[in-house]
Amino acid sequence: MALIFIRTAIIFVTLLLIMRLMGKSQIGEMQPFEFVISLVIAELACIPMADTSIPILYGIIAIITIFILHQIVWLLELWFKPMKTVISGKPSVVINKNGIDEFQLKKNNLDVSDLIESMRGAGYFNIDDVYYGIYEANGSFTALEKEETTASPSLPLLLIDRGKADEQNLTRCGYNREKLNKILTEQNAKLKEVVAMTVNSEGRAYFQKRGEKYKILQIEVKGEW
């Protein structure tokens, strides 16, 4: 028991030192390669702590090796800018002045509901509240906010997400497929052509047809949410 305690303490001190040497990004927003390194280090640390048959020096050497590899990757990113894009990726502009960039969403394996969730986390509840929305290389969402945002006590519901209707949200706002199709006909659009459509309880709707700039519509809704 005492041996395991001592081995764990040694590994803990080694990890603390290595994480401090790796820099502040290790305890903040991590790049993809840094996240992978953190997972590997955690696994390497557990093995010598739990298995006393493995010399503790093996674990320490493995952790130090990972630290050296981290420094090599960091230097490559610093000296050769194209390597930074290859290793860590680059930001994706998923919202621009025309609305949602569907290509960038697909590229990042996201749908509109994922985007809306990220926006809520950043304090934005309407897609048109920002000029630009960006997913950074580390996965965080940032935005350039408009001077005047839409003030509303109601949360917008997502009715159409990349050509697919949300039946539950349609029912919640008093709509069915027939009423939805009427709106689509008025906008000269088919369901599969719509990138996104949201509506709040005041009837303010965000509507974006594929290949076109988004529109703000006023439609009739029933109920509150």
Protein backbone atom coordinates (compact mmCIF):
# COMPACT_ATOMS: atom_id res chain seq x y z
CA MET A 1 0.00 0.00 0.00
CA ALA A 2 2.76 2.42 0.92
CA LEU A 3 4.58 1.56 -2.33
CA ILE A 4 1.53 2.41 -4.44
CA PHE A 5 1.14 5.69 -2.53
CA ILE A 6 4.76 6.66 -3.19
CA ARG A 7 4.59 5.64 -6.89
CA THR A 8 1.36 7.63 -7.33
CA ALA A 9 2.91 10.69 -5.67
CA ILE A 10 5.95 10.51 -7.96
CA ILE A 11 3.79 10.21 -11.09
CA PHE A 12 1.57 13.06 -9.88
CA VAL A 13 4.53 15.39 -9.38
CA THR A 14 5.94 14.39 -12.79
CA LEU A 15 2.58 15.06 -14.50
CA LEU A 16 2.19 18.41 -12.75
CA LEU A 17 5.63 19.49 -13.90
CA ILE A 18 5.08 18.31 -17.49
CA MET A 19 1.66 19.99 -17.79
CA ARG A 20 3.12 23.24 -16.51
CA LEU A 21 5.92 23.04 -19.07
CA MET A 22 3.43 22.41 -21.88
CA GLY A 23 1.81 25.82 -21.32
CA LYS A 24 -1.53 27.35 -20.47
CA SER A 25 -3.40 25.83 -23.42
CA GLN A 26 -3.24 22.49 -21.63
CA ILE A 27 -5.56 23.79 -18.92
CA GLY A 28 -7.69 25.93 -21.24
CA GLU A 29 -8.96 25.42 -24.78
CA MET A 30 -6.80 22.70 -26.34
CA GLN A 31 -5.87 22.13 -29.94
CA PRO A 32 -6.65 18.63 -31.29
CA PHE A 33 -3.09 17.34 -30.98
CA GLU A 34 -2.87 18.68 -27.43
CA PHE A 35 -6.08 16.88 -26.50
CA VAL A 36 -4.68 13.62 -27.89
CA ILE A 37 -1.44 14.13 -25.95
CA SER A 38 -3.38 14.75 -22.72
CA LEU A 39 -5.32 11.49 -23.20
CA VAL A 40 -2.13 9.53 -23.88
CA ILE A 41 -0.36 11.01 -20.86
CA ALA A 42 -3.32 10.13 -18.63
CA GLU A 43 -3.20 6.51 -19.83
CA LEU A 44 0.57 6.30 -19.42
CA ALA A 45 0.32 7.67 -15.89
CA CYS A 46 -2.31 5.15 -14.78
CA ILE A 47 -0.34 2.03 -15.75
CA PRO A 48 2.73 2.44 -13.46
CA MET A 49 0.56 3.78 -10.62
CA ALA A 50 -1.66 0.69 -10.53
CA ASP A 51 0.79 -2.03 -11.62
CA THR A 52 3.73 -2.32 -9.24
CA SER A 53 5.38 -4.95 -11.49
CA ILE A 54 6.17 -2.19 -13.99
CA PRO A 55 9.23 -0.09 -13.05
CA ILE A 56 8.10 3.46 -12.33
CA LEU A 57 10.97 4.75 -14.43
CA TYR A 58 9.26 3.31 -17.52
CA GLY A 59 6.22 5.46 -16.88
CA ILE A 60 8.27 8.60 -16.28
CA ILE A 61 10.31 8.05 -19.46
CA ALA A 62 7.13 7.53 -21.49
CA ILE A 63 5.60 10.76 -20.13
CA ILE A 64 8.79 12.72 -20.83
CA THR A 65 8.84 11.27 -24.37
CA ILE A 66 5.31 12.56 -24.96
CA PHE A 67 6.41 15.97 -23.66
CA ILE A 68 9.33 16.00 -26.14
CA LEU A 69 6.97 15.08 -28.99
CA HIS A 70 4.66 17.90 -27.90
CA GLN A 71 7.53 20.38 -28.10
CA ILE A 72 8.51 19.12 -31.56
CA VAL A 73 4.95 19.56 -32.85
CA TRP A 74 4.76 23.02 -31.24
CA LEU A 75 8.00 24.06 -32.96
CA LEU A 76 6.77 22.74 -36.31
CA GLU A 77 3.63 24.84 -35.96
CA LEU A 78 5.71 27.87 -34.98
CA TRP A 79 8.27 27.63 -37.78
CA PHE A 80 6.17 26.26 -40.63
CA LYS A 81 2.76 27.94 -40.81
CA PRO A 82 1.22 25.37 -43.21
CA MET A 83 1.92 22.71 -40.58
CA LYS A 84 -0.36 24.51 -38.12
CA THR A 85 -3.29 24.03 -40.48
CA VAL A 86 -2.40 20.37 -41.07
CA ILE A 87 -1.95 19.56 -37.36
CA SER A 88 -4.50 21.79 -35.64
CA GLY A 89 -6.91 22.65 -38.43
CA LYS A 90 -8.24 26.13 -39.14
CA PRO A 91 -11.31 28.18 -38.18
CA SER A 92 -14.54 27.60 -40.10
CA VAL A 93 -16.90 30.50 -40.84
CA VAL A 94 -20.29 28.82 -40.47
CA ILE A 95 -22.37 32.03 -40.49
CA ASN A 96 -21.75 34.93 -42.84
CA LYS A 97 -23.77 37.94 -43.98
CA ASN A 98 -25.88 35.69 -46.22
CA GLY A 99 -26.74 33.36 -43.36
CA ILE A 100 -25.64 29.81 -42.61
CA ASP A 101 -22.84 28.34 -44.71
CA GLU A 102 -24.12 24.80 -45.26
CA PHE A 103 -20.84 23.65 -46.85
CA GLN A 104 -18.87 24.57 -43.72
CA LEU A 105 -21.44 22.80 -41.54
CA LYS A 106 -21.07 19.61 -43.57
CA LYS A 107 -17.28 19.95 -43.53
CA ASN A 108 -17.34 19.98 -39.72
CA ASN A 109 -19.96 17.18 -39.42
CA LEU A 110 -22.53 19.55 -37.91
CA ASP A 111 -26.18 20.29 -38.52
CA VAL A 112 -28.19 23.43 -37.81
CA SER A 113 -29.29 22.21 -34.37
CA ASP A 114 -25.61 21.81 -33.38
CA LEU A 115 -24.94 25.37 -34.57
CA ILE A 116 -27.90 26.77 -32.63
CA GLU A 117 -26.76 24.94 -29.49
CA SER A 118 -23.27 26.47 -29.84
CA MET A 119 -24.80 29.92 -30.36
CA ARG A 120 -26.89 29.60 -27.19
CA GLY A 121 -23.72 28.65 -25.30
CA ALA A 122 -22.15 31.88 -26.56
CA GLY A 123 -25.21 33.95 -25.57
CA TYR A 124 -26.97 34.27 -28.96
CA PHE A 125 -30.49 32.93 -29.45
CA ASN A 126 -31.25 34.08 -33.00
CA ILE A 127 -29.19 33.08 -36.01
CA ASP A 128 -29.39 36.60 -37.43
CA ASP A 129 -28.02 38.18 -34.24
CA VAL A 130 -24.48 37.89 -35.62
CA TYR A 131 -22.70 38.99 -38.79
CA TYR A 132 -20.28 36.10 -38.60
CA GLY A 133 -20.16 32.87 -36.60
CA ILE A 134 -16.89 30.96 -36.42
CA TYR A 135 -15.89 27.55 -35.10
CA GLU A 136 -12.29 27.95 -34.00
CA ALA A 137 -9.70 25.21 -34.54
CA ASN A 138 -10.08 24.15 -30.89
CA GLY A 139 -13.85 23.68 -31.32
CA SER A 140 -15.03 26.81 -29.49
CA PHE A 141 -17.65 29.09 -31.06
CA THR A 142 -17.05 32.83 -31.47
CA ALA A 143 -19.13 35.47 -33.24
CA LEU A 144 -19.12 39.05 -34.48
CA GLU A 145 -22.30 40.45 -32.96
CA LYS A 146 -24.59 42.90 -34.75
CA GLU A 147 -24.99 46.35 -33.24
CA GLU A 148 -28.70 45.72 -32.68
CA THR A 149 -29.75 42.20 -31.82
CA THR A 150 -33.26 40.80 -31.74
CA ALA A 151 -34.75 41.23 -28.27
CA SER A 152 -37.46 38.65 -27.64
CA PRO A 153 -38.72 36.83 -24.54
CA SER A 154 -39.31 33.70 -26.61
CA LEU A 155 -36.91 30.97 -27.65
CA PRO A 156 -36.86 30.26 -31.41
CA LEU A 157 -37.88 26.74 -32.43
CA LEU A 158 -36.07 24.95 -35.23
CA LEU A 159 -38.69 23.89 -37.80
CA ILE A 160 -36.43 22.86 -40.68
CA ASP A 161 -32.87 21.58 -40.39
CA ARG A 162 -31.12 21.11 -43.76
CA GLY A 163 -34.18 19.93 -45.64
CA LYS A 164 -35.80 17.97 -42.80
CA ALA A 165 -38.83 19.15 -40.86
CA ASP A 166 -39.02 18.80 -37.07
CA GLU A 167 -42.52 17.41 -36.53
CA GLN A 168 -42.48 18.00 -32.77
CA ASN A 169 -41.60 21.67 -33.12
CA LEU A 170 -44.16 22.10 -35.90
CA THR A 171 -46.88 20.78 -33.60
CA ARG A 172 -45.65 22.97 -30.74
CA CYS A 173 -46.19 26.14 -32.76
CA GLY A 174 -49.52 25.01 -34.22
CA TYR A 175 -48.28 23.90 -37.62
CA ASN A 176 -48.58 20.77 -39.72
CA ARG A 177 -47.06 19.75 -43.04
CA GLU A 178 -49.88 21.42 -44.99
CA LYS A 179 -49.31 24.81 -43.35
CA LEU A 180 -45.57 24.45 -43.70
CA ASN A 181 -45.88 23.61 -47.39
CA LYS A 182 -47.99 26.74 -47.88
CA ILE A 183 -45.16 28.89 -46.51
CA LEU A 184 -42.65 27.04 -48.67
CA THR A 185 -44.80 27.64 -51.76
CA GLU A 186 -45.00 31.35 -50.94
CA GLN A 187 -41.20 31.43 -50.73
CA ASN A 188 -40.86 29.42 -53.98
CA ALA A 189 -38.97 26.68 -52.15
CA LYS A 190 -39.19 22.94 -51.59
CA LEU A 191 -38.53 21.38 -48.19
CA LYS A 192 -35.25 19.78 -49.30
CA GLU A 193 -34.01 23.20 -50.52
CA VAL A 194 -34.33 24.88 -47.12
CA VAL A 195 -31.12 25.13 -45.08
CA ALA A 196 -32.85 26.37 -41.94
CA MET A 197 -36.11 27.77 -40.63
CA THR A 198 -36.77 28.89 -37.08
CA VAL A 199 -39.69 30.73 -35.49
CA ASN A 200 -40.38 32.27 -32.08
CA SER A 201 -43.72 32.64 -30.29
CA GLU A 202 -44.18 36.12 -31.78
CA GLY A 203 -44.15 34.66 -35.30
CA ARG A 204 -40.75 36.03 -36.27
CA ALA A 205 -39.22 33.43 -38.59
CA TYR A 206 -35.71 33.00 -39.94
CA PHE A 207 -35.87 31.40 -43.38
CA GLN A 208 -32.93 30.44 -45.58
CA LYS A 209 -33.18 28.72 -48.93
CA ARG A 210 -30.09 26.96 -50.25
CA GLY A 211 -28.01 29.30 -52.42
CA GLU A 212 -29.86 32.44 -51.27
CA LYS A 213 -29.53 35.06 -48.53
CA TYR A 214 -31.69 34.44 -45.48
CA LYS A 215 -35.03 36.22 -44.99
CA ILE A 216 -36.92 37.31 -41.90
CA LEU A 217 -40.61 36.45 -42.22
CA GLN A 218 -43.62 37.17 -40.07
CA ILE A 219 -45.91 34.17 -39.81
CA GLU A 220 -48.87 33.22 -37.66
CA VAL A 221 -48.20 30.79 -34.81
CA LYS A 222 -50.28 29.34 -31.99
CA GLY A 223 -49.26 28.79 -28.40
CA GLU A 224 -46.32 30.00 -26.36
CA TRP A 225 -43.10 28.28 -25.33
